[in-house]
């Protein structure tokens, strides 16, 4: 059963069919102007205080907890190392004596030889030797050597643990010294130090301290067991090796920061964190020699090293290194502030308030920097930024707003309450793109389908969202892959139970979007020989649209949006006739659904007439 079309198929007003021909202020629907970028946000992300200060305080709290744990560990290890060293020393006091001949034993041997000579003389032995024999050579036993090796190495390791532990405590104290830096600079310096701390394996060095103590303890027990099972090698070489390595480590660690400052070739390398008072003294001493030697060096090196001569503390040296690093490579890979924000998001972003702070920090930096932050936080943004459409697009109005919207997209998955602010950003971006480039062929920015509880969002925001999509469809700027998502949204709106004015407005706009999609379908063209029928590809497009409309209208005859409903139904009827009738493109099941829609309309009309 077919219906005779009584309405010319098309969109009800010029704003729908050709909004690109309207003036800038003509994007109006029932008194609604399109929201654009640059206007005050209705659903902006709240900002309380300085976001950089909050992020800075957050990372300092994190570092305080981290370093406090390390310091507590070092302090306990130092106490244990002292106790172990005292215990081992008590054993060494007795064991080391066995490595050399006891003078008392030698005296006793001499007295014994004298006594033998006296006895021989008294016996009238004329052949008595007037000279005493050579004393026997003293050789320590293998047991004594093993014992002293074990115990002296144990003592050396205990003392090396104490020495390295003190160095680590100095490094941690310097790591946390900021001397009232501004938050933005503080985050950069902190990230510089944190990267250096990790790259130079300071946590691993701290972790090695318990291992050294355990090794010291094992050696002590080996010696103790050897003593019990038996009661000698050259001890000095082993003890010298352990002590020498510990001293060499201290010397290298003291010189490395200064060597990196004045002799390093790559400012992008991780910053050496081996900072201590003695290292700073060496740094100032080397600075004097470098300043004198600059007369014989290239101007490049002299200019590069000059800023370090003015540094008063390690904090100043870190700031100088930061500035030199950024001048050498201003890209995101050497931008400590970018990596600092990414680190904060990854390790400290555990509340919506922290998201607010990071959002405003991203908003306050350069678009190129914010893009790198977002690319590292939202992995899906990588494909967006490198897509052909975006690379070729000239309609990008504000890259910073794009980056902020992409950041909110990622965070909406964890915090759904951000959906309102994200949808506000999306609508403004889309409206601005549409207004600035209505004739563009590249698809405009569409970041994310915010379909989670869209009907529960503020009325004006939902209206703006639907108006935005009506414009996109009318301008043929909607991506094909988004069509199914849009149909799902339309069906959700149409079948909502609300009878209040907002829901009526939503349904009206949803049906107008359906009509805008109908306006994109191919039509029968007039020629000199008659009407040109639709080809197979055109019929396939019509069928897809028709099936969605039938599914939408089936079992639904709204009274609050009846004019729009009639337009859609008549448009569907005409499209089916253009294709040769329902039987030419619809399956039996789809034809039955179409008949159900028609019968529902007649039943509704009969009830009104009755």
Foldseek 3Di string as FASTA:
>chain_A
DFDDFDDDAFFDDPCLQCVLVDDQQPLDDPRDGFFAPPDDFPDAQDDDPALLVVLLVLVLVVLVVVVVVLLVLLVVLLVVLVVQLVVLVVVCVPLVVLQDDDVVVVVVVVVVQVVVLVVCVVVVNPPRDPDGDDDDDDHRDPLSALLLLLSLLLNLLSVLLNVVSVLLNQLSVQLSDQPDDPSLLSLLLNLLLVQQCVVVCSVVSSVCSVVSNVSSVVSNVVSVVSCVVPVRPDNVVSSCVSNVVSVVVVVCLLAVQLCCQQPNDALLDRHHSSDGPSSVVVNQVVLVVVQVCVVVDDPVSVVSNVQVNPDDGVNSVSSSSLVVQCVVPVALSSRSSLVSLLVCCVPPPDDVVSVSSSLVVLLPDDLRSLQSSLVSVQVVVVCVCPPPLNVPDPLQDDSSLVSSLSSLVSCCVVPVVSLQNSLSSQLNQLVSSCNVCLQDPRAGDDRDPSPDPLVVHDLSSSLSSLSSLSSCLSSVRDDPVCVVVLLVSLLCLQPDPDPDVSSLSSNLSSLSSLSSNLVPQDDWDADPVGTDADDPVSLVSLLVSLLSVLVSQQPDQDDSNNVSVSSNLSSSSVSQVSQPHCVNRPDPVSVVSNVNSVVVVVVVVVVVVD
